[in-house]
Amino acid sequence: MKTYAYAARFEPMEDGDGFVVTFDDVPEAITEGDTMKEAREMAADALGVALLTYIELGRSLPVADAKGVFVTPDADVAAKIAVIETFRESGMTRTELGRQLGKDEKEVRRMLDPNHQTKLQPLTQALAVMGMRLVVGLEAAE
């Protein structure tokens, strides 16, 4: 199973007012929050933006090697990343994916655009067409 979880480092700010969050494996993802809860929320957002930027630039996603508190992007962002990565690995054309989904190529192009928001249902349908299934997990909020 593929996940998009990366270890984050939460460090108190020098003035003691909040936390700075960094990711050793995704150095572009840097953020902060006034509280630990806000820092975790901001970390998920920063991670998602950084990973989508990797995809937009045609770069491979980093390997998650670091240890620490794992953070994942929000579910809709993780689903978008999964669809784009799966499509790139599938060898399918946008036209073929569209035909199997019953959508035109323009809709598929938007679905595969890292900067265009797509609802979860079309993303899960696209994954199914490409032989994959989205698995959602649940964990306690901090």
Foldseek 3Di string as FASTA:
>chain_A
DDAQKAAKDWDQDPVNQWTWIATPQQRQQIDIDRDPLRRLLSSLVSSLVSLLVCVVVVHDRTDHDDDHDIHHHPPQSRLLSVLLVLVVVQPDDLCVLCVVVVHHSVVSVLSNRSPHGDDPVVSQVSQVVSPHGDDDDDDDRD
